[in-house]
Amino acid sequence: MQAPSPGAPPTSWPPRLEGLRSSPFPHPALHVLHSLARTMLFPAYWALDRLLVCCVPTPRTPFPLFTPFPRKWCHFLVTLLGALAALLLLLATLPLLLLGLLFWLPLQYCRRPFCYQPPPRNWTPPSPWCPPSDPHRSFGFLSANLCLLPDGLARFSNLQHSQRRAECMGTILLGGTKGLSYGSTGSTPPQNSSLVGELISTLPGSLDFVCLQETFDVRAASRLAQCLASTLGPVIYDVGTTGFYPGPQLKLLGSGLLLVSRYPVLSACFLPFPNARREDALASKGLLSVQVQLGMLDKRRIVGYLHCTHLHAPEEDWAIRCEQLSLLLGWVEQFETQNDKEDDTVAFSVLMGDLNFDNCSSDDAQEQEHELFTYFTDPCRLGPGQEQPWAIGTLLSAPTLHCPVACCPEKLKRALEQQDGRNMYLAGPPTGTLPSASWQGRRIDYILYRRDPMTLLIPAAERVTFSTCLAGLTDHLAVGLRLRVTTEPRATSDLDKANTQKEQTEK
């Protein structure tokens, strides 16, 4: 039999996935008990959520319309009756809640910290990358904070109807991953290579990896996972370690992370941050690390590493975020070392998520100087406190979320292209006062990448996108990155040149 040529496609694609089972429990009986416990907890959870909905003011708008007094009075009575009904239901379901906790809490100690939604049997991943016959390939990444909290909590961010929003977001995300682009086929890239950063009203085409944050509501996350896995590929969701932990700490919410990959997932791991306070102490935030197989090179696997996170939220707790960044760096090295076989070729290591600090506000100066940025490349950043001229903030202003302009992707895009629009619809700095210079907003959503120096594959940023496609559904812009990986040195992009010139100037 003739030996396969170097870089030939693997004989079995996608590879057989071993060790990733659908259930997060080692035995089916434990999975059944966990489902039963959640069923018993749901009535009290739903009643408490409805009570919060009645107590938290309805979504705000900076342009209130005149409301007749009788209508206000009727609204008050309906809200009051709803709150009383929710309170009575909560009291009535307390015994069932306590019984459910007796099952739920012990089960958390034997639960794997994520659920795995496998793709359907007829799922077809992208063709395996096989250099040198295919010398380069581009990969599309997307990071988005969806604010899919329980309805009562989502209202604090001026959002509501998490289940409906989850359905709409699933439809939009599916649309953003269909169709072919120059990157997925390895053909010639667009000639306009000078375009590095762009504000768009749709999702960038041909997404390969999607990292979502704040999918805290389990029903919404499950619905989203089933929707995406049916077309895209494997989904990792319901991520986090809940229950009682040393401290003592009671974690009632997961990490809110959800990852979709169009390439086969080989291994996954989640590690929770040990430090948190205030409202973040109830959530199990941490780092989700995933290894995917991209193809073959000289009979060796080509793999990529994805690291997804959501850092501590309260603005004044910079010390906690810095500690989490340091932990994160160590965990990244640990995961990649444990899963890297000697003959593996690493195409990229990408870090995505909501880091809850920006690169221009003076309040976030400590995070901006962190050593994270010496290991990972931020394509939107020139240095601490200095952004690329095309970079834009990703956090929207909560009071304006329900304005007609902020609810329409195309209108919001046009508004953010103007200085007045950025001042109105992007969140201001933590101090609350806009700087005298032009305000580009708080860019707290990141996609960073780095190259493995031990391999011949070279990743480089081709395009960064800031998308308004989720306007009206969440309080963040979606961030996209197209990363081109090649097997041979090539002319550096405009972005690489700009960063190199900046480093030489600083030296």
Protein backbone atom coordinates (compact mmCIF):
# COMPACT_ATOMS: atom_id res chain seq x y z
CA MET A 1 0.00 0.00 0.00
CA GLN A 2 1.31 3.45 -0.91
CA ALA A 3 2.13 5.64 2.09
CA PRO A 4 0.07 8.82 2.44
CA SER A 5 1.79 12.01 1.38
CA PRO A 6 2.90 14.49 4.04
CA GLY A 7 0.01 16.58 5.23
CA ALA A 8 -2.55 14.19 3.72
CA PRO A 9 -6.06 14.29 5.18
CA PRO A 10 -6.61 12.01 8.17
CA THR A 11 -8.22 8.68 7.33
CA SER A 12 -10.97 9.36 9.88
CA TRP A 13 -12.47 12.83 10.05
CA PRO A 14 -13.82 13.99 12.40
CA PRO A 15 -11.64 12.05 14.85
CA ARG A 16 -13.28 9.74 17.35
CA LEU A 17 -13.99 11.75 20.48
CA GLU A 18 -13.14 9.87 23.65
CA GLY A 19 -13.68 11.12 27.18
CA LEU A 20 -16.29 13.78 26.36
CA ARG A 21 -19.69 12.38 27.27
CA SER A 22 -22.96 14.28 27.13
CA SER A 23 -23.87 13.91 30.79
CA PRO A 24 -21.77 15.76 33.37
CA PHE A 25 -22.23 12.81 35.76
CA PRO A 26 -20.31 9.51 35.71
CA HIS A 27 -23.48 7.41 36.14
CA PRO A 28 -26.95 7.81 34.54
CA ALA A 29 -28.67 7.46 37.92
CA LEU A 30 -26.89 10.57 39.22
CA HIS A 31 -27.97 12.47 36.12
CA VAL A 32 -31.59 11.48 36.77
CA LEU A 33 -31.36 12.57 40.41
CA HIS A 34 -29.87 15.89 39.36
CA SER A 35 -32.69 16.48 36.87
CA LEU A 36 -35.21 15.62 39.60
CA ALA A 37 -33.54 18.05 42.02
CA ARG A 38 -33.66 20.84 39.47
CA THR A 39 -37.33 20.11 38.84
CA MET A 40 -38.04 20.49 42.56
CA LEU A 41 -36.04 23.73 42.73
CA PHE A 42 -37.69 25.31 39.71
CA PRO A 43 -41.03 26.45 41.23
CA ALA A 44 -39.29 28.44 43.97
CA TYR A 45 -36.72 29.74 41.47
CA TRP A 46 -39.49 30.89 39.13
CA ALA A 47 -41.47 32.51 41.95
CA LEU A 48 -38.41 34.40 43.22
CA ASP A 49 -37.64 35.52 39.69
CA ARG A 50 -41.22 36.81 39.22
CA LEU A 51 -40.97 38.62 42.54
CA LEU A 52 -37.81 40.37 41.37
CA VAL A 53 -39.50 41.28 38.08
CA CYS A 54 -42.28 42.99 40.03
CA CYS A 55 -39.90 44.80 42.38
CA VAL A 56 -37.32 46.00 39.85
CA PRO A 57 -38.52 48.94 37.73
CA THR A 58 -39.46 48.20 34.15
CA PRO A 59 -36.78 48.87 31.52
CA ARG A 60 -35.84 52.53 31.46
CA THR A 61 -35.54 54.91 28.55
CA PRO A 62 -33.88 58.32 28.62
CA PHE A 63 -36.87 59.75 26.72
CA PRO A 64 -39.93 58.91 28.88
CA LEU A 65 -43.29 59.45 27.27
CA PHE A 66 -46.21 61.05 29.06
CA THR A 67 -48.29 58.37 30.76
CA PRO A 68 -51.86 59.19 31.89
CA PHE A 69 -52.46 58.87 35.60
CA PRO A 70 -55.10 56.09 35.31
CA ARG A 71 -52.67 53.96 33.33
CA LYS A 72 -49.98 54.45 35.97
CA TRP A 73 -52.47 53.46 38.68
CA CYS A 74 -53.52 50.32 36.80
CA HIS A 75 -49.90 49.38 36.24
CA PHE A 76 -49.18 49.79 39.94
CA LEU A 77 -52.12 47.54 40.91
CA VAL A 78 -51.11 44.84 38.41
CA THR A 79 -47.52 44.94 39.68
CA LEU A 80 -48.65 44.78 43.30
CA LEU A 81 -50.95 41.82 42.67
CA GLY A 82 -48.20 40.05 40.72
CA ALA A 83 -45.73 40.58 43.56
CA LEU A 84 -48.21 39.22 46.14
CA ALA A 85 -48.94 36.18 43.99
CA ALA A 86 -45.22 35.50 43.49
CA LEU A 87 -44.56 35.87 47.22
CA LEU A 88 -47.34 33.44 48.10
CA LEU A 89 -46.06 30.94 45.55
CA LEU A 90 -42.55 31.28 46.94
CA LEU A 91 -43.75 30.58 50.48
CA ALA A 92 -45.80 27.62 49.29
CA THR A 93 -42.84 26.06 47.47
CA LEU A 94 -40.31 26.43 50.30
CA PRO A 95 -40.69 22.78 51.47
CA LEU A 96 -40.09 21.56 47.92
CA LEU A 97 -37.12 23.93 47.69
CA LEU A 98 -35.52 22.51 50.83
CA LEU A 99 -36.08 18.95 49.63
CA GLY A 100 -34.57 19.78 46.26
CA LEU A 101 -31.50 21.31 47.93
CA LEU A 102 -30.94 18.09 49.86
CA PHE A 103 -30.49 16.31 46.53
CA TRP A 104 -28.86 19.12 44.56
CA LEU A 105 -26.06 20.19 46.91
CA PRO A 106 -24.36 16.77 47.38
CA LEU A 107 -24.58 16.03 43.66
CA GLN A 108 -22.44 19.06 42.83
CA TYR A 109 -19.36 17.34 44.28
CA CYS A 110 -19.49 14.53 41.70
CA ARG A 111 -20.60 16.67 38.76
CA ARG A 112 -18.18 17.54 35.96
CA PRO A 113 -18.11 21.35 35.72
CA PHE A 114 -19.72 21.57 32.27
CA CYS A 115 -22.27 19.95 29.98
CA TYR A 116 -21.32 18.75 26.51
CA GLN A 117 -23.84 18.93 23.68
CA PRO A 118 -22.53 16.70 20.88
CA PRO A 119 -23.37 17.54 17.28
CA PRO A 120 -25.95 15.42 15.42
CA ARG A 121 -24.80 12.30 13.60
CA ASN A 122 -25.02 14.00 10.23
CA TRP A 123 -22.75 16.85 11.38
CA THR A 124 -19.96 17.66 8.95
CA PRO A 125 -17.06 19.74 10.31
CA PRO A 126 -14.90 21.93 8.07
CA SER A 127 -12.44 20.00 5.92
CA PRO A 128 -9.24 19.21 7.84
CA TRP A 129 -6.37 21.58 7.31
CA CYS A 130 -3.51 19.73 5.63
CA PRO A 131 -0.38 21.80 4.94
CA PRO A 132 1.74 22.05 2.84
CA SER A 133 -0.84 21.40 0.11
CA ASP A 134 -2.95 24.09 1.83
CA PRO A 135 -0.29 26.55 3.09
CA HIS A 136 -2.59 28.82 5.06
CA ARG A 137 -6.02 28.91 6.62
CA SER A 138 -8.07 31.60 8.35
CA PHE A 139 -10.20 31.00 11.44
CA GLY A 140 -13.08 33.14 12.62
CA PHE A 141 -13.62 33.87 16.34
CA LEU A 142 -16.49 35.68 18.06
CA SER A 143 -16.94 36.79 21.67
CA ALA A 144 -20.22 38.21 22.98
CA ASN A 145 -21.75 38.93 26.39
CA LEU A 146 -25.45 38.04 26.10
CA CYS A 147 -26.70 39.07 29.57
CA LEU A 148 -28.92 35.97 29.70
CA LEU A 149 -29.66 36.25 33.39
CA PRO A 150 -32.94 35.33 35.05
CA ASP A 151 -35.47 38.01 34.06
CA GLY A 152 -35.46 39.69 37.47
CA LEU A 153 -31.67 40.09 37.46
CA ALA A 154 -31.50 41.04 33.77
CA ARG A 155 -33.66 44.08 34.55
CA PHE A 156 -30.79 45.59 36.51
CA SER A 157 -29.06 45.83 33.11
CA ASN A 158 -32.23 47.26 31.53
CA LEU A 159 -33.07 43.98 29.76
CA GLN A 160 -35.83 41.42 30.10
CA HIS A 161 -37.41 38.31 28.49
CA SER A 162 -34.26 36.15 28.61
CA GLN A 163 -35.96 33.14 26.95
CA ARG A 164 -37.14 35.17 23.97
CA ARG A 165 -33.77 36.88 23.65
CA ALA A 166 -32.03 33.48 23.69
CA GLU A 167 -34.13 32.33 20.73
CA CYS A 168 -33.41 35.51 18.77
CA MET A 169 -29.70 35.30 19.52
CA GLY A 170 -29.55 31.67 18.43
CA THR A 171 -31.09 32.59 15.09
CA ILE A 172 -28.62 35.45 14.59
CA LEU A 173 -25.61 33.32 15.54
CA LEU A 174 -26.65 30.55 13.18
CA GLY A 175 -26.87 33.07 10.37
CA GLY A 176 -23.38 34.34 11.12
CA THR A 177 -21.77 30.94 10.68
CA LYS A 178 -23.28 30.02 7.32
CA GLY A 179 -21.61 30.57 4.00
CA LEU A 180 -18.03 30.28 2.88
CA SER A 181 -15.35 32.91 3.08
CA TYR A 182 -11.83 33.20 1.79
CA GLY A 183 -10.45 31.92 5.09
CA SER A 184 -12.26 28.61 5.38
CA THR A 185 -11.15 27.37 1.97
CA GLY A 186 -7.56 28.60 2.05
CA SER A 187 -8.01 30.68 -1.08
CA THR A 188 -6.58 34.13 -1.72
CA PRO A 189 -7.57 36.71 0.91
CA PRO A 190 -9.17 40.05 -0.01
CA GLN A 191 -6.86 42.56 -1.62
CA ASN A 192 -7.81 45.32 0.83
CA SER A 193 -5.42 44.11 3.52
CA SER A 194 -5.15 47.59 5.06
CA LEU A 195 -8.63 47.18 6.58
CA VAL A 196 -7.95 45.81 10.04
CA GLY A 197 -10.75 47.08 12.27
CA GLU A 198 -14.36 47.57 11.19
CA LEU A 199 -17.74 48.42 12.71
CA ILE A 200 -20.47 46.26 11.13
CA SER A 201 -24.20 45.68 11.65
CA THR A 202 -24.10 41.93 10.94
CA LEU A 203 -21.99 39.08 12.22
CA PRO A 204 -18.70 38.42 10.42
CA GLY A 205 -19.10 35.50 8.05
CA SER A 206 -17.83 31.94 8.52
CA LEU A 207 -17.35 31.86 12.27
CA ASP A 208 -15.49 28.81 13.54
CA PHE A 209 -15.47 29.46 17.30
CA VAL A 210 -18.00 31.36 19.39
CA CYS A 211 -17.46 32.20 23.06
CA LEU A 212 -20.51 33.56 24.91
CA GLN A 213 -20.66 35.03 28.40
CA GLU A 214 -23.48 35.53 30.91
CA THR A 215 -25.59 32.59 29.79
CA PHE A 216 -26.45 32.20 33.46
CA ASP A 217 -30.08 31.15 32.99
CA VAL A 218 -29.96 27.36 32.63
CA ARG A 219 -33.10 27.17 30.47
CA ALA A 220 -31.85 29.85 28.09
CA ALA A 221 -28.38 28.25 27.92
CA SER A 222 -29.81 24.79 27.18
CA ARG A 223 -32.08 26.21 24.49
CA LEU A 224 -29.17 28.06 22.93
CA ALA A 225 -26.91 24.99 23.08
CA GLN A 226 -29.44 22.74 21.35
CA CYS A 227 -30.07 25.35 18.67
CA LEU A 228 -26.39 25.91 17.89
CA ALA A 229 -25.28 22.27 18.10
CA SER A 230 -27.93 21.21 15.57
CA THR A 231 -26.11 23.11 12.83
CA LEU A 232 -22.67 24.26 13.96
CA GLY A 233 -20.97 21.58 16.01
CA PRO A 234 -20.18 20.62 19.61
CA VAL A 235 -21.26 23.00 22.37
CA ILE A 236 -19.94 23.25 25.93
CA TYR A 237 -22.41 24.98 28.25
CA ASP A 238 -23.74 25.10 31.83
CA VAL A 239 -20.13 25.66 32.88
CA GLY A 240 -19.20 26.13 36.52
CA THR A 241 -18.78 24.51 39.92
CA THR A 242 -21.85 25.28 42.02
CA GLY A 243 -22.77 24.37 45.60
CA PHE A 244 -20.79 24.84 48.83
CA TYR A 245 -17.05 25.46 48.59
CA PRO A 246 -14.30 26.46 51.04
CA GLY A 247 -14.52 30.03 52.25
CA PRO A 248 -17.28 29.15 52.96
CA GLN A 249 -18.94 30.10 49.68
CA LEU A 250 -22.28 29.15 48.19
CA LYS A 251 -22.26 29.25 44.40
CA LEU A 252 -25.79 29.40 43.01
CA LEU A 253 -24.92 30.41 39.44
CA GLY A 254 -22.41 28.91 37.04
CA SER A 255 -19.77 30.82 35.12
CA GLY A 256 -22.17 31.83 32.35
CA LEU A 257 -19.68 30.62 29.71
CA LEU A 258 -20.77 28.81 26.55
CA LEU A 259 -18.44 27.70 23.75
CA VAL A 260 -19.31 26.55 20.23
CA SER A 261 -16.73 24.97 17.92
CA ARG A 262 -17.11 23.96 14.27
CA TYR A 263 -13.98 21.82 14.69
CA PRO A 264 -13.83 18.60 16.75
CA VAL A 265 -13.28 19.11 20.48
CA LEU A 266 -10.55 16.88 21.93
CA SER A 267 -10.53 17.90 25.59
CA ALA A 268 -11.96 20.52 27.93
CA CYS A 269 -11.34 21.78 31.47
CA PHE A 270 -12.85 24.42 33.75
CA LEU A 271 -11.16 25.96 36.79
CA PRO A 272 -13.05 28.41 39.06
CA PHE A 273 -11.58 31.63 40.43
CA PRO A 274 -11.19 31.37 44.24
CA ASN A 275 -11.60 35.12 44.82
CA ALA A 276 -14.84 37.05 44.45
CA ARG A 277 -17.04 39.35 46.47
CA ARG A 278 -20.41 41.10 46.42
CA GLU A 279 -22.77 39.87 43.69
CA ASP A 280 -19.99 38.02 41.87
CA ALA A 281 -19.48 35.77 44.90
CA LEU A 282 -22.69 33.91 43.93
CA ALA A 283 -21.36 33.04 40.46
CA SER A 284 -18.73 30.43 39.65
CA LYS A 285 -16.60 32.49 37.28
CA GLY A 286 -13.38 30.99 36.02
CA LEU A 287 -11.50 29.78 32.95
CA LEU A 288 -12.84 27.31 30.40
CA SER A 289 -10.02 25.78 28.32
CA VAL A 290 -10.65 23.65 25.23
CA GLN A 291 -8.39 21.83 22.79
CA VAL A 292 -9.66 21.38 19.20
CA GLN A 293 -8.21 19.51 16.24
CA LEU A 294 -7.84 21.54 13.06
CA GLY A 295 -6.13 19.04 10.73
CA MET A 296 -2.91 17.12 10.13
CA LEU A 297 0.68 18.04 9.27
CA ASP A 298 3.18 15.25 8.47
CA LYS A 299 0.99 12.71 10.31
CA ARG A 300 0.87 15.01 13.33
CA ARG A 301 -2.23 16.65 14.71
CA ILE A 302 -2.73 20.35 14.18
CA VAL A 303 -4.46 21.61 17.29
CA GLY A 304 -5.70 24.93 18.60
CA TYR A 305 -6.36 26.10 22.14
CA LEU A 306 -9.36 28.19 23.17
CA HIS A 307 -9.55 29.85 26.57
CA CYS A 308 -12.80 31.54 27.59
CA THR A 309 -13.35 33.63 30.69
CA HIS A 310 -15.38 36.35 32.39
CA LEU A 311 -13.55 38.34 35.06
CA HIS A 312 -14.80 39.97 38.25
CA ALA A 313 -17.36 42.70 37.52
CA PRO A 314 -17.43 45.39 40.28
CA GLU A 315 -15.43 48.29 38.87
CA GLU A 316 -13.53 49.20 42.04
CA ASP A 317 -12.12 45.68 42.61
CA TRP A 318 -9.07 45.99 40.36
CA ALA A 319 -6.93 43.91 42.72
CA ILE A 320 -9.26 40.92 42.35
CA ARG A 321 -9.16 41.17 38.56
CA CYS A 322 -5.36 41.37 38.55
CA GLU A 323 -5.15 38.25 40.70
CA GLN A 324 -7.56 36.47 38.36
CA LEU A 325 -5.43 37.44 35.37
CA SER A 326 -2.37 35.93 37.05
CA LEU A 327 -4.25 32.73 37.86
CA LEU A 328 -5.53 32.60 34.32
CA LEU A 329 -2.03 32.73 32.84
CA GLY A 330 -0.88 29.82 34.98
CA TRP A 331 -3.95 27.75 34.12
CA VAL A 332 -3.46 28.37 30.39
CA GLU A 333 0.09 27.01 30.57
CA GLN A 334 -1.04 24.09 32.71
CA PHE A 335 -3.83 23.02 30.35
CA GLU A 336 -1.75 23.32 27.20
CA THR A 337 1.16 21.41 28.76
CA GLN A 338 -1.08 18.59 29.96
CA ASN A 339 -2.86 18.16 26.62
CA ASP A 340 -0.01 18.78 24.20
CA LYS A 341 1.43 15.60 22.75
CA GLU A 342 5.07 15.67 21.69
CA ASP A 343 4.24 15.50 18.01
CA ASP A 344 1.36 18.01 18.05
CA THR A 345 1.59 21.18 15.98
CA VAL A 346 -0.12 24.14 17.65
CA ALA A 347 -1.77 26.62 15.29
CA PHE A 348 -2.89 29.17 17.89
CA SER A 349 -3.80 29.85 21.50
CA VAL A 350 -6.70 32.30 21.80
CA LEU A 351 -8.14 33.96 24.90
CA MET A 352 -11.68 35.34 24.62
CA GLY A 353 -14.16 36.91 26.99
CA ASP A 354 -15.38 39.84 29.03
CA LEU A 355 -12.43 41.05 31.12
CA ASN A 356 -14.43 43.89 32.74
CA PHE A 357 -11.71 46.51 32.28
CA ASP A 358 -10.79 48.72 29.35
CA ASN A 359 -7.53 50.01 27.94
CA CYS A 360 -8.25 53.75 28.09
CA SER A 361 -9.85 54.59 31.47
CA SER A 362 -7.47 55.75 34.18
CA ASP A 363 -9.44 53.66 36.71
CA ASP A 364 -8.21 50.48 34.98
CA ALA A 365 -4.52 51.42 34.91
CA GLN A 366 -3.45 48.43 37.01
CA GLU A 367 -5.09 45.87 34.72
CA GLN A 368 -3.71 47.61 31.62
CA GLU A 369 -0.14 47.01 32.87
CA HIS A 370 -0.65 43.33 33.61
CA GLU A 371 1.84 40.81 32.22
CA LEU A 372 -1.02 39.12 30.33
CA PHE A 373 -0.29 41.47 27.45
CA THR A 374 3.31 40.31 27.20
CA TYR A 375 2.15 36.75 26.51
CA PHE A 376 -0.95 37.46 24.40
CA THR A 377 -1.34 39.93 21.55
CA ASP A 378 -4.28 42.33 21.70
CA PRO A 379 -4.85 43.45 18.09
CA CYS A 380 -6.82 46.51 19.25
CA ARG A 381 -4.11 47.82 21.56
CA LEU A 382 -0.97 49.87 20.93
CA GLY A 383 0.09 49.88 24.57
CA PRO A 384 -1.24 50.59 28.08
CA GLY A 385 -3.83 53.33 27.74
CA GLN A 386 -3.34 53.55 23.96
CA GLU A 387 -5.78 52.04 21.49
CA GLN A 388 -5.73 51.53 17.75
CA PRO A 389 -7.48 54.51 16.08
CA TRP A 390 -10.22 52.22 14.77
CA ALA A 391 -10.92 50.47 18.10
CA ILE A 392 -14.29 51.20 19.72
CA GLY A 393 -15.91 50.46 23.06
CA THR A 394 -18.04 47.33 23.47
CA LEU A 395 -20.13 48.22 26.55
CA LEU A 396 -23.38 50.03 25.77
CA SER A 397 -25.08 52.62 27.95
CA ALA A 398 -27.86 50.88 29.90
CA PRO A 399 -30.37 53.79 29.93
CA THR A 400 -30.34 53.98 26.11
CA LEU A 401 -30.80 50.26 25.35
CA HIS A 402 -34.48 50.65 24.45
CA CYS A 403 -34.15 53.75 22.30
CA PRO A 404 -35.25 53.15 18.69
CA VAL A 405 -31.69 53.73 17.47
CA ALA A 406 -30.10 51.36 20.01
CA CYS A 407 -32.55 48.57 19.10
CA CYS A 408 -31.76 48.58 15.38
CA PRO A 409 -28.37 47.13 14.29
CA GLU A 410 -28.02 49.37 11.24
CA LYS A 411 -29.11 52.55 13.04
CA LEU A 412 -26.83 51.82 16.00
CA LYS A 413 -23.90 51.22 13.64
CA ARG A 414 -24.47 54.57 11.93
CA ALA A 415 -24.77 56.29 15.32
CA LEU A 416 -21.52 54.81 16.62
CA GLU A 417 -19.68 56.02 13.56
CA GLN A 418 -20.23 59.57 14.83
CA GLN A 419 -18.73 61.16 17.94
CA ASP A 420 -22.13 62.29 19.27
CA GLY A 421 -23.48 58.76 18.88
CA ARG A 422 -20.56 57.24 20.78
CA ASN A 423 -21.04 59.73 23.60
CA MET A 424 -24.73 58.82 23.84
CA TYR A 425 -24.87 55.07 23.27
CA LEU A 426 -21.56 53.82 24.68
CA ALA A 427 -21.06 53.50 28.43
CA GLY A 428 -18.95 56.20 30.03
CA PRO A 429 -15.76 55.63 32.06
CA PRO A 430 -16.05 54.28 35.63
CA THR A 431 -15.61 57.80 37.01
CA GLY A 432 -18.80 58.81 35.22
CA THR A 433 -17.23 61.82 33.48
CA LEU A 434 -16.36 61.75 29.79
CA PRO A 435 -12.77 62.84 29.05
CA SER A 436 -12.19 66.01 27.11
CA ALA A 437 -10.78 64.09 24.15
CA SER A 438 -12.99 62.09 21.80
CA TRP A 439 -14.62 59.18 23.61
CA GLN A 440 -14.30 55.78 21.95
CA GLY A 441 -16.05 53.86 24.73
CA ARG A 442 -15.02 51.10 27.14
CA ARG A 443 -13.66 48.08 25.27
CA ILE A 444 -14.06 45.36 27.89
CA ASP A 445 -14.63 42.42 25.49
CA TYR A 446 -11.38 40.93 24.19
CA ILE A 447 -10.04 38.36 21.75
CA LEU A 448 -6.29 37.87 22.29
CA TYR A 449 -3.97 35.41 20.60
CA ARG A 450 -0.42 34.11 20.82
CA ARG A 451 1.90 31.91 18.81
CA ASP A 452 3.51 28.72 20.04
CA PRO A 453 7.27 29.35 19.49
CA MET A 454 7.92 25.61 19.21
CA THR A 455 5.91 25.21 15.97
CA LEU A 456 6.28 26.49 12.42
CA LEU A 457 2.74 27.83 12.20
CA ILE A 458 2.43 31.61 12.37
CA PRO A 459 -0.89 33.28 13.37
CA ALA A 460 -1.57 36.91 12.47
CA ALA A 461 -4.64 39.11 12.83
CA GLU A 462 -6.34 39.90 9.53
CA ARG A 463 -9.53 41.62 10.62
CA VAL A 464 -11.20 42.80 13.83
CA THR A 465 -14.92 43.52 13.84
CA PHE A 466 -17.25 45.25 16.26
CA SER A 467 -20.79 44.14 15.50
CA THR A 468 -24.12 45.76 16.43
CA CYS A 469 -26.07 42.70 15.24
CA LEU A 470 -27.34 41.98 18.77
CA ALA A 471 -28.72 45.52 19.23
CA GLY A 472 -31.73 45.50 21.56
CA LEU A 473 -30.90 42.00 22.85
CA THR A 474 -27.88 42.65 25.07
CA ASP A 475 -25.79 45.50 26.50
CA HIS A 476 -22.56 44.60 24.66
CA LEU A 477 -21.28 44.72 21.12
CA ALA A 478 -20.04 41.43 19.70
CA VAL A 479 -16.30 41.30 18.92
CA GLY A 480 -14.91 39.25 16.05
CA LEU A 481 -11.38 38.29 15.01
CA ARG A 482 -10.21 36.62 11.83
CA LEU A 483 -6.88 34.94 12.45
CA ARG A 484 -4.78 33.79 9.51
CA VAL A 485 -2.38 30.94 10.24
CA THR A 486 0.35 30.17 7.73
CA THR A 487 3.17 27.66 7.50
CA GLU A 488 5.71 30.10 6.15
CA PRO A 489 6.78 33.66 6.94
CA ARG A 490 4.94 36.29 4.95
CA ALA A 491 4.86 40.04 4.67
CA THR A 492 3.69 41.45 7.97
CA SER A 493 0.24 42.99 8.03
CA ASP A 494 -0.38 46.67 8.66
CA LEU A 495 -1.41 45.79 12.20
CA ASP A 496 1.85 43.91 12.87
CA LYS A 497 3.87 46.82 11.44
CA ALA A 498 2.05 49.33 13.64
CA ASN A 499 2.67 47.28 16.78
CA THR A 500 6.34 46.72 15.88
CA GLN A 501 6.91 50.43 15.25
CA LYS A 502 5.26 51.25 18.56
CA GLU A 503 7.50 48.81 20.46
CA GLN A 504 10.64 50.22 18.80
CA THR A 505 9.57 53.76 19.67
CA GLU A 506 9.05 52.85 23.33
CA LYS A 507 12.50 51.19 23.48
